[in-house]
Amino acid sequence: MTEPLPSGPPSAHGRPRSSPVVFTADFASTTQWVAGRSWAYPGGGPVNPRDDKLDYLVADAAYSRSGVFRARRRQDGRWNTGLLTTEGSEEGFTVRPGDVLEARVRLPREIGAWPAIWTWRDGDQEIDVFEYHPDNPDLLEFTNHVRGTNRYHHDDAVGPGAWIDLRTVFGARSVEWWLNGTRVFADGRGVGRGWHAYLIVNLSVCAGRYHPPPEPRTTEMSYEVSKLVVRRPTTAGAATAEEDATPS
């Protein structure tokens, strides 16, 4: 059994501080999320071959609105894929410096699956809470594209079909990634004090340039996000958390 996720940024002694929840994902909500469209894709989608993706974004609720993100093979060789973003939604929620995102996900099993939780705004501002590829079964990818840092993290708790608890602290001076209650990477770079970005949750499908595409017999794939919340420390608490952060 995994330990409960800490509720806020850690103190210098490793004790989490409590922070109020400012966003609780309701994937069925049409005011929180827009389905099947993202400006992280050229023209807002539906395809993005330059990023080595076979995706064809669809707004169909069956592909994303239950928290199970699905992909199904099309006759033209692309895959109908599920994506939700807060960009363009009525609420328009953005993550800010000091925010803490907590998520519980079930990783996919199928080769070619490419699940991710990430941020995006105005062609950039990307922080990858996680990316995963089942051809590297024990590896999670954590990346700060804003400041150019990343970590490939191998862990026995990671594998096709595994449930994992993720936690990302979007610090102005250091972004931290936690897995199953343990901090595994602090980049020492952060996002800066003026950063803010929308959330994206999706399941992409690899085209084969960097990771193998789906096997011919595979016609469907999925991964699940059973929890996603964002906590926002008070101004004083966020400043203290920045002082406490030490890269590892």
C-alpha atoms as a PDB file:
ATOM      1  CA  MET A   1       0.000   0.000   0.000  1.00  0.00           C
ATOM      2  CA  THR A   2       1.349   3.435  -0.899  1.00  0.00           C
ATOM      3  CA  GLU A   3       1.546   6.178   1.697  1.00  0.00           C
ATOM      4  CA  PRO A   4      -0.945   9.084   1.418  1.00  0.00           C
ATOM      5  CA  LEU A   5       0.232  12.003  -0.677  1.00  0.00           C
ATOM      6  CA  PRO A   6       1.563  14.943   1.354  1.00  0.00           C
ATOM      7  CA  SER A   7      -0.854  17.850   1.354  1.00  0.00           C
ATOM      8  CA  GLY A   8       1.610  20.688   0.706  1.00  0.00           C
ATOM      9  CA  PRO A   9       5.257  21.644   0.138  1.00  0.00           C
ATOM     10  CA  PRO A  10       7.649  19.961   2.604  1.00  0.00           C
ATOM     11  CA  SER A  11       9.360  21.805   5.400  1.00  0.00           C
ATOM     12  CA  ALA A  12      13.112  21.655   5.958  1.00  0.00           C
ATOM     13  CA  HIS A  13      12.457  18.574   8.113  1.00  0.00           C
ATOM     14  CA  GLY A  14      10.358  16.843   5.457  1.00  0.00           C
ATOM     15  CA  ARG A  15       6.989  17.511   7.096  1.00  0.00           C
ATOM     16  CA  PRO A  16       4.281  18.577   4.589  1.00  0.00           C
ATOM     17  CA  ARG A  17       2.405  21.801   5.110  1.00  0.00           C
ATOM     18  CA  SER A  18      -1.320  21.910   4.566  1.00  0.00           C
ATOM     19  CA  SER A  19      -2.452  24.066   1.628  1.00  0.00           C
ATOM     20  CA  PRO A  20      -5.984  24.824   0.433  1.00  0.00           C
ATOM     21  CA  VAL A  21      -7.276  23.028  -2.658  1.00  0.00           C
ATOM     22  CA  VAL A  22      -8.010  25.484  -5.485  1.00  0.00           C
ATOM     23  CA  PHE A  23      -8.821  22.957  -8.209  1.00  0.00           C
ATOM     24  CA  THR A  24     -10.383  19.492  -8.072  1.00  0.00           C
ATOM     25  CA  ALA A  25     -10.666  17.839 -11.466  1.00  0.00           C
ATOM     26  CA  ASP A  26     -14.155  16.878 -12.548  1.00  0.00           C
ATOM     27  CA  PHE A  27     -13.426  15.490 -15.988  1.00  0.00           C
ATOM     28  CA  ALA A  28     -17.115  15.448 -16.883  1.00  0.00           C
ATOM     29  CA  SER A  29     -17.346  19.211 -16.319  1.00  0.00           C
ATOM     30  CA  THR A  30     -17.659  21.291 -19.486  1.00  0.00           C
ATOM     31  CA  THR A  31     -16.879  24.455 -17.522  1.00  0.00           C
ATOM     32  CA  GLN A  32     -13.539  23.102 -16.239  1.00  0.00           C
ATOM     33  CA  TRP A  33     -12.362  21.291 -19.363  1.00  0.00           C
ATOM     34  CA  VAL A  34     -12.432  21.499 -23.143  1.00  0.00           C
ATOM     35  CA  ALA A  35     -12.288  18.108 -24.892  1.00  0.00           C
ATOM     36  CA  GLY A  36     -10.558  17.203 -28.137  1.00  0.00           C
ATOM     37  CA  ARG A  37      -8.829  20.514 -28.855  1.00  0.00           C
ATOM     38  CA  SER A  38      -5.543  22.060 -27.737  1.00  0.00           C
ATOM     39  CA  TRP A  39      -3.336  24.855 -29.063  1.00  0.00           C
ATOM     40  CA  ALA A  40      -0.383  22.647 -28.148  1.00  0.00           C
ATOM     41  CA  TYR A  41      -1.347  20.968 -31.457  1.00  0.00           C
ATOM     42  CA  PRO A  42      -0.964  22.894 -34.739  1.00  0.00           C
ATOM     43  CA  GLY A  43      -4.142  24.871 -35.360  1.00  0.00           C
ATOM     44  CA  GLY A  44      -5.635  23.407 -32.197  1.00  0.00           C
ATOM     45  CA  GLY A  45      -5.592  19.897 -33.693  1.00  0.00           C
ATOM     46  CA  PRO A  46      -6.774  17.335 -34.422  1.00  0.00           C
ATOM     47  CA  VAL A  47      -3.356  15.984 -35.549  1.00  0.00           C
ATOM     48  CA  ASN A  48       0.258  16.627 -34.543  1.00  0.00           C
ATOM     49  CA  PRO A  49       2.595  14.503 -36.708  1.00  0.00           C
ATOM     50  CA  ARG A  50       5.578  16.826 -36.132  1.00  0.00           C
ATOM     51  CA  ASP A  51       5.586  15.669 -32.499  1.00  0.00           C
ATOM     52  CA  ASP A  52       5.723  12.020 -33.633  1.00  0.00           C
ATOM     53  CA  LYS A  53       2.086  11.417 -32.741  1.00  0.00           C
ATOM     54  CA  LEU A  54      -0.574   9.354 -34.481  1.00  0.00           C
ATOM     55  CA  ASP A  55      -3.264  11.282 -32.586  1.00  0.00           C
ATOM     56  CA  TYR A  56      -6.566  12.389 -34.039  1.00  0.00           C
ATOM     57  CA  LEU A  57      -8.168  14.358 -31.197  1.00  0.00           C
ATOM     58  CA  VAL A  58     -11.857  13.724 -30.604  1.00  0.00           C
ATOM     59  CA  ALA A  59     -14.345  15.449 -28.315  1.00  0.00           C
ATOM     60  CA  ASP A  60     -16.344  12.243 -27.771  1.00  0.00           C
ATOM     61  CA  ALA A  61     -16.953  11.894 -24.015  1.00  0.00           C
ATOM     62  CA  ALA A  62     -16.107   8.182 -24.152  1.00  0.00           C
ATOM     63  CA  TYR A  63     -12.450   9.063 -24.776  1.00  0.00           C
ATOM     64  CA  SER A  64     -11.828  11.296 -21.764  1.00  0.00           C
ATOM     65  CA  ARG A  65     -14.785  12.482 -19.697  1.00  0.00           C
ATOM     66  CA  SER A  66     -14.825   9.507 -17.287  1.00  0.00           C
ATOM     67  CA  GLY A  67     -11.188   9.988 -16.308  1.00  0.00           C
ATOM     68  CA  VAL A  68     -10.264   6.982 -18.434  1.00  0.00           C
ATOM     69  CA  PHE A  69      -8.352   8.365 -21.397  1.00  0.00           C
ATOM     70  CA  ARG A  70      -8.709   6.125 -24.443  1.00  0.00           C
ATOM     71  CA  ALA A  71      -7.282   5.696 -27.911  1.00  0.00           C
ATOM     72  CA  ARG A  72      -8.741   3.607 -30.740  1.00  0.00           C
ATOM     73  CA  ARG A  73      -7.212   2.780 -34.094  1.00  0.00           C
ATOM     74  CA  ARG A  74      -8.789   4.392 -37.158  1.00  0.00           C
ATOM     75  CA  GLN A  75      -8.960   2.931 -40.658  1.00  0.00           C
ATOM     76  CA  ASP A  76      -6.638   5.682 -41.964  1.00  0.00           C
ATOM     77  CA  GLY A  77      -3.814   4.623 -39.611  1.00  0.00           C
ATOM     78  CA  ARG A  78      -4.308   7.429 -37.096  1.00  0.00           C
ATOM     79  CA  TRP A  79      -5.842   6.932 -33.653  1.00  0.00           C
ATOM     80  CA  ASN A  80      -8.859   8.660 -32.148  1.00  0.00           C
ATOM     81  CA  THR A  81      -7.457   9.971 -28.866  1.00  0.00           C
ATOM     82  CA  GLY A  82      -8.776  11.634 -25.718  1.00  0.00           C
ATOM     83  CA  LEU A  83      -7.482  14.987 -24.483  1.00  0.00           C
ATOM     84  CA  LEU A  84      -8.799  17.490 -21.955  1.00  0.00           C
ATOM     85  CA  THR A  85      -7.434  20.966 -21.327  1.00  0.00           C
ATOM     86  CA  THR A  86      -8.421  23.914 -19.158  1.00  0.00           C
ATOM     87  CA  GLU A  87      -7.358  26.249 -21.982  1.00  0.00           C
ATOM     88  CA  GLY A  88     -10.405  27.853 -23.543  1.00  0.00           C
ATOM     89  CA  SER A  89     -12.747  26.536 -20.853  1.00  0.00           C
ATOM     90  CA  GLU A  90     -15.256  28.748 -19.053  1.00  0.00           C
ATOM     91  CA  GLU A  91     -13.240  28.591 -15.815  1.00  0.00           C
ATOM     92  CA  GLY A  92      -9.874  28.837 -17.593  1.00  0.00           C
ATOM     93  CA  PHE A  93      -7.903  27.488 -14.639  1.00  0.00           C
ATOM     94  CA  THR A  94      -4.133  28.036 -14.719  1.00  0.00           C
ATOM     95  CA  VAL A  95      -1.378  26.640 -12.530  1.00  0.00           C
ATOM     96  CA  ARG A  96       0.823  29.268 -10.852  1.00  0.00           C
ATOM     97  CA  PRO A  97       4.237  29.360  -9.123  1.00  0.00           C
ATOM     98  CA  GLY A  98       4.075  27.594  -5.771  1.00  0.00           C
ATOM     99  CA  ASP A  99       1.096  25.408  -6.741  1.00  0.00           C
ATOM    100  CA  VAL A 100       1.172  21.713  -5.874  1.00  0.00           C
ATOM    101  CA  LEU A 101      -0.480  19.203  -8.221  1.00  0.00           C
ATOM    102  CA  GLU A 102      -1.392  15.765  -6.891  1.00  0.00           C
ATOM    103  CA  ALA A 103      -2.602  12.952  -9.136  1.00  0.00           C
ATOM    104  CA  ARG A 104      -3.241   9.221  -8.990  1.00  0.00           C
ATOM    105  CA  VAL A 105      -2.934   7.399 -12.300  1.00  0.00           C
ATOM    106  CA  ARG A 106      -3.018   3.895 -13.713  1.00  0.00           C
ATOM    107  CA  LEU A 107      -0.357   3.471 -16.379  1.00  0.00           C
ATOM    108  CA  PRO A 108      -1.227   1.885 -19.743  1.00  0.00           C
ATOM    109  CA  ARG A 109      -0.008  -1.543 -20.816  1.00  0.00           C
ATOM    110  CA  GLU A 110       0.070  -1.263 -24.609  1.00  0.00           C
ATOM    111  CA  ILE A 111       3.238  -0.521 -26.575  1.00  0.00           C
ATOM    112  CA  GLY A 112       2.799   2.812 -28.336  1.00  0.00           C
ATOM    113  CA  ALA A 113       0.742   4.397 -25.566  1.00  0.00           C
ATOM    114  CA  TRP A 114       1.975   7.837 -24.481  1.00  0.00           C
ATOM    115  CA  PRO A 115       0.075   9.184 -21.460  1.00  0.00           C
ATOM    116  CA  ALA A 116       0.884  12.539 -19.914  1.00  0.00           C
ATOM    117  CA  ILE A 117      -0.202  15.302 -17.572  1.00  0.00           C
ATOM    118  CA  TRP A 118       1.380  18.629 -18.545  1.00  0.00           C
ATOM    119  CA  THR A 119       0.999  22.385 -18.796  1.00  0.00           C
ATOM    120  CA  TRP A 120       0.862  24.716 -21.800  1.00  0.00           C
ATOM    121  CA  ARG A 121       0.253  28.351 -22.706  1.00  0.00           C
ATOM    122  CA  ASP A 122       1.016  30.533 -25.733  1.00  0.00           C
ATOM    123  CA  GLY A 123       3.227  27.983 -27.480  1.00  0.00           C
ATOM    124  CA  ASP A 124       5.375  27.201 -24.433  1.00  0.00           C
ATOM    125  CA  GLN A 125       5.245  27.158 -20.605  1.00  0.00           C
ATOM    126  CA  GLU A 126       5.389  23.345 -20.634  1.00  0.00           C
ATOM    127  CA  ILE A 127       6.047  21.411 -17.450  1.00  0.00           C
ATOM    128  CA  ASP A 128       5.548  17.651 -17.741  1.00  0.00           C
ATOM    129  CA  VAL A 129       4.091  16.265 -14.517  1.00  0.00           C
ATOM    130  CA  PHE A 130       4.844  12.892 -16.100  1.00  0.00           C
ATOM    131  CA  GLU A 131       5.216  11.055 -19.385  1.00  0.00           C
ATOM    132  CA  TYR A 132       5.352   7.280 -19.774  1.00  0.00           C
ATOM    133  CA  HIS A 133       6.091   4.746 -22.513  1.00  0.00           C
ATOM    134  CA  PRO A 134       5.471   1.033 -21.846  1.00  0.00           C
ATOM    135  CA  ASP A 135       8.488   0.041 -23.977  1.00  0.00           C
ATOM    136  CA  ASN A 136      10.547   1.486 -21.085  1.00  0.00           C
ATOM    137  CA  PRO A 137       8.424  -0.248 -18.445  1.00  0.00           C
ATOM    138  CA  ASP A 138      10.039   1.090 -15.231  1.00  0.00           C
ATOM    139  CA  LEU A 139      10.764   4.644 -16.449  1.00  0.00           C
ATOM    140  CA  LEU A 140       8.920   7.923 -15.813  1.00  0.00           C
ATOM    141  CA  GLU A 141       9.924  11.127 -17.591  1.00  0.00           C
ATOM    142  CA  PHE A 142       9.850  14.444 -15.698  1.00  0.00           C
ATOM    143  CA  THR A 143      10.652  17.606 -17.700  1.00  0.00           C
ATOM    144  CA  ASN A 144      10.797  21.355 -17.155  1.00  0.00           C
ATOM    145  CA  HIS A 145      10.739  22.734 -20.693  1.00  0.00           C
ATOM    146  CA  VAL A 146      10.554  26.303 -19.352  1.00  0.00           C
ATOM    147  CA  ARG A 147      14.074  26.145 -17.909  1.00  0.00           C
ATOM    148  CA  GLY A 148      15.460  23.137 -19.820  1.00  0.00           C
ATOM    149  CA  THR A 149      15.824  20.407 -17.205  1.00  0.00           C
ATOM    150  CA  ASN A 150      14.622  16.813 -17.046  1.00  0.00           C
ATOM    151  CA  ARG A 151      15.004  13.497 -15.234  1.00  0.00           C
ATOM    152  CA  TYR A 152      14.504   9.933 -16.455  1.00  0.00           C
ATOM    153  CA  HIS A 153      13.504   8.150 -13.272  1.00  0.00           C
ATOM    154  CA  HIS A 154      13.649   4.348 -12.991  1.00  0.00           C
ATOM    155  CA  ASP A 155      11.560   2.839 -10.201  1.00  0.00           C
ATOM    156  CA  ASP A 156      10.367  -0.659  -9.251  1.00  0.00           C
ATOM    157  CA  ALA A 157       6.915   0.784  -8.481  1.00  0.00           C
ATOM    158  CA  VAL A 158       6.492   1.798 -12.122  1.00  0.00           C
ATOM    159  CA  GLY A 159       5.261  -0.660 -14.732  1.00  0.00           C
ATOM    160  CA  PRO A 160       2.495  -1.325 -17.257  1.00  0.00           C
ATOM    161  CA  GLY A 161      -0.850  -1.332 -15.453  1.00  0.00           C
ATOM    162  CA  ALA A 162       0.608   0.028 -12.186  1.00  0.00           C
ATOM    163  CA  TRP A 163      -1.190   2.594 -10.038  1.00  0.00           C
ATOM    164  CA  ILE A 164       1.111   5.441  -8.961  1.00  0.00           C
ATOM    165  CA  ASP A 165       0.747   8.632  -6.917  1.00  0.00           C
ATOM    166  CA  LEU A 166       2.331  11.727  -8.429  1.00  0.00           C
ATOM    167  CA  ARG A 167       3.006  15.118  -6.911  1.00  0.00           C
ATOM    168  CA  THR A 168       4.587  18.141  -8.600  1.00  0.00           C
ATOM    169  CA  VAL A 169       5.532  21.388  -6.867  1.00  0.00           C
ATOM    170  CA  PHE A 170       5.772  24.217  -9.401  1.00  0.00           C
ATOM    171  CA  GLY A 171       8.314  26.285  -7.486  1.00  0.00           C
ATOM    172  CA  ALA A 172       9.527  29.602  -8.853  1.00  0.00           C
ATOM    173  CA  ARG A 173      13.112  28.542  -8.141  1.00  0.00           C
ATOM    174  CA  SER A 174      12.823  24.747  -8.214  1.00  0.00           C
ATOM    175  CA  VAL A 175      10.239  22.347  -9.617  1.00  0.00           C
ATOM    176  CA  GLU A 176       9.928  19.152  -7.543  1.00  0.00           C
ATOM    177  CA  TRP A 177       8.579  15.772  -8.617  1.00  0.00           C
ATOM    178  CA  TRP A 178       7.402  13.195  -6.075  1.00  0.00           C
ATOM    179  CA  LEU A 179       6.464   9.544  -6.654  1.00  0.00           C
ATOM    180  CA  ASN A 180       4.470   7.539  -4.114  1.00  0.00           C
ATOM    181  CA  GLY A 181       5.310   9.971  -1.315  1.00  0.00           C
ATOM    182  CA  THR A 182       9.061  10.266  -2.043  1.00  0.00           C
ATOM    183  CA  ARG A 183      10.736  13.212  -3.723  1.00  0.00           C
ATOM    184  CA  VAL A 184      12.673  11.880  -6.704  1.00  0.00           C
ATOM    185  CA  PHE A 185      13.799  15.073  -8.486  1.00  0.00           C
ATOM    186  CA  ALA A 186      14.167  18.783  -7.711  1.00  0.00           C
ATOM    187  CA  ASP A 187      15.532  20.659 -10.710  1.00  0.00           C
ATOM    188  CA  GLY A 188      16.926  23.769  -9.014  1.00  0.00           C
ATOM    189  CA  ARG A 189      15.640  25.882 -11.945  1.00  0.00           C
ATOM    190  CA  GLY A 190      11.950  26.450 -11.292  1.00  0.00           C
ATOM    191  CA  VAL A 191       9.403  28.262 -13.452  1.00  0.00           C
ATOM    192  CA  GLY A 192      10.042  31.876 -12.451  1.00  0.00           C
ATOM    193  CA  ARG A 193       7.672  34.159 -10.577  1.00  0.00           C
ATOM    194  CA  GLY A 194       5.543  35.296 -13.534  1.00  0.00           C
ATOM    195  CA  TRP A 195       4.781  31.841 -14.934  1.00  0.00           C
ATOM    196  CA  HIS A 196       1.263  30.477 -15.325  1.00  0.00           C
ATOM    197  CA  ALA A 197      -0.107  27.776 -17.622  1.00  0.00           C
ATOM    198  CA  TYR A 198      -3.153  25.671 -18.447  1.00  0.00           C
ATOM    199  CA  LEU A 199      -3.474  21.978 -17.626  1.00  0.00           C
ATOM    200  CA  ILE A 200      -3.590  19.192 -20.228  1.00  0.00           C
ATOM    201  CA  VAL A 201      -4.392  15.526 -19.543  1.00  0.00           C
ATOM    202  CA  ASN A 202      -4.241  13.182 -22.517  1.00  0.00           C
ATOM    203  CA  LEU A 203      -3.311   9.875 -24.061  1.00  0.00           C
ATOM    204  CA  SER A 204      -1.214  10.160 -27.215  1.00  0.00           C
ATOM    205  CA  VAL A 205      -0.053   7.373 -29.542  1.00  0.00           C
ATOM    206  CA  CYS A 206       3.580   7.109 -30.700  1.00  0.00           C
ATOM    207  CA  ALA A 207       4.327   7.189 -34.419  1.00  0.00           C
ATOM    208  CA  GLY A 208       7.656   5.333 -34.145  1.00  0.00           C
ATOM    209  CA  ARG A 209      10.426   7.928 -34.367  1.00  0.00           C
ATOM    210  CA  TYR A 210      11.340   7.916 -30.674  1.00  0.00           C
ATOM    211  CA  HIS A 211       9.291   5.013 -29.328  1.00  0.00           C
ATOM    212  CA  PRO A 212       7.745   2.053 -31.160  1.00  0.00           C
ATOM    213  CA  PRO A 213       4.234   2.454 -32.559  1.00  0.00           C
ATOM    214  CA  PRO A 214       1.416   0.155 -31.467  1.00  0.00           C
ATOM    215  CA  GLU A 215       1.653  -3.480 -32.472  1.00  0.00           C
ATOM    216  CA  PRO A 216      -0.560  -4.381 -35.467  1.00  0.00           C
ATOM    217  CA  ARG A 217      -2.923  -6.454 -33.334  1.00  0.00           C
ATOM    218  CA  THR A 218      -3.528  -3.578 -30.884  1.00  0.00           C
ATOM    219  CA  THR A 219      -6.699  -1.649 -31.626  1.00  0.00           C
ATOM    220  CA  GLU A 220      -7.407   0.060 -28.283  1.00  0.00           C
ATOM    221  CA  MET A 221      -5.457   1.418 -25.312  1.00  0.00           C
ATOM    222  CA  SER A 222      -6.211   3.419 -22.184  1.00  0.00           C
ATOM    223  CA  TYR A 223      -4.926   4.899 -18.956  1.00  0.00           C
ATOM    224  CA  GLU A 224      -6.841   6.263 -15.984  1.00  0.00           C
ATOM    225  CA  VAL A 225      -6.603   9.377 -13.814  1.00  0.00           C
ATOM    226  CA  SER A 226      -8.646   8.744 -10.672  1.00  0.00           C
ATOM    227  CA  LYS A 227      -7.585  11.933  -8.867  1.00  0.00           C
ATOM    228  CA  LEU A 228      -6.164  15.310  -9.844  1.00  0.00           C
ATOM    229  CA  VAL A 229      -6.127  18.260  -7.461  1.00  0.00           C
ATOM    230  CA  VAL A 230      -4.128  21.475  -7.242  1.00  0.00           C
ATOM    231  CA  ARG A 231      -3.245  23.067  -3.916  1.00  0.00           C
ATOM    232  CA  ARG A 232      -2.150  26.676  -3.551  1.00  0.00           C
ATOM    233  CA  PRO A 233      -0.111  27.647  -0.475  1.00  0.00           C
ATOM    234  CA  THR A 234      -0.540  31.037   1.134  1.00  0.00           C
ATOM    235  CA  THR A 235       1.937  33.676  -0.014  1.00  0.00           C
ATOM    236  CA  ALA A 236       4.000  33.238   3.139  1.00  0.00           C
ATOM    237  CA  GLY A 237       3.879  29.462   2.909  1.00  0.00           C
ATOM    238  CA  ALA A 238       4.953  29.506  -0.719  1.00  0.00           C
ATOM    239  CA  ALA A 239       7.925  31.729   0.066  1.00  0.00           C
ATOM    240  CA  THR A 240       9.011  29.443   2.895  1.00  0.00           C
ATOM    241  CA  ALA A 241       8.682  26.398   0.661  1.00  0.00           C
ATOM    242  CA  GLU A 242      11.011  28.047  -1.855  1.00  0.00           C
ATOM    243  CA  GLU A 243      13.603  28.566   0.882  1.00  0.00           C
ATOM    244  CA  ASP A 244      13.288  24.955   1.974  1.00  0.00           C
ATOM    245  CA  ALA A 245      13.660  23.395  -1.498  1.00  0.00           C
ATOM    246  CA  THR A 246      16.999  21.683  -2.050  1.00  0.00           C
ATOM    247  CA  PRO A 247      17.805  20.024  -5.394  1.00  0.00           C
ATOM    248  CA  SER A 248      18.452  16.285  -5.306  1.00  0.00           C
END
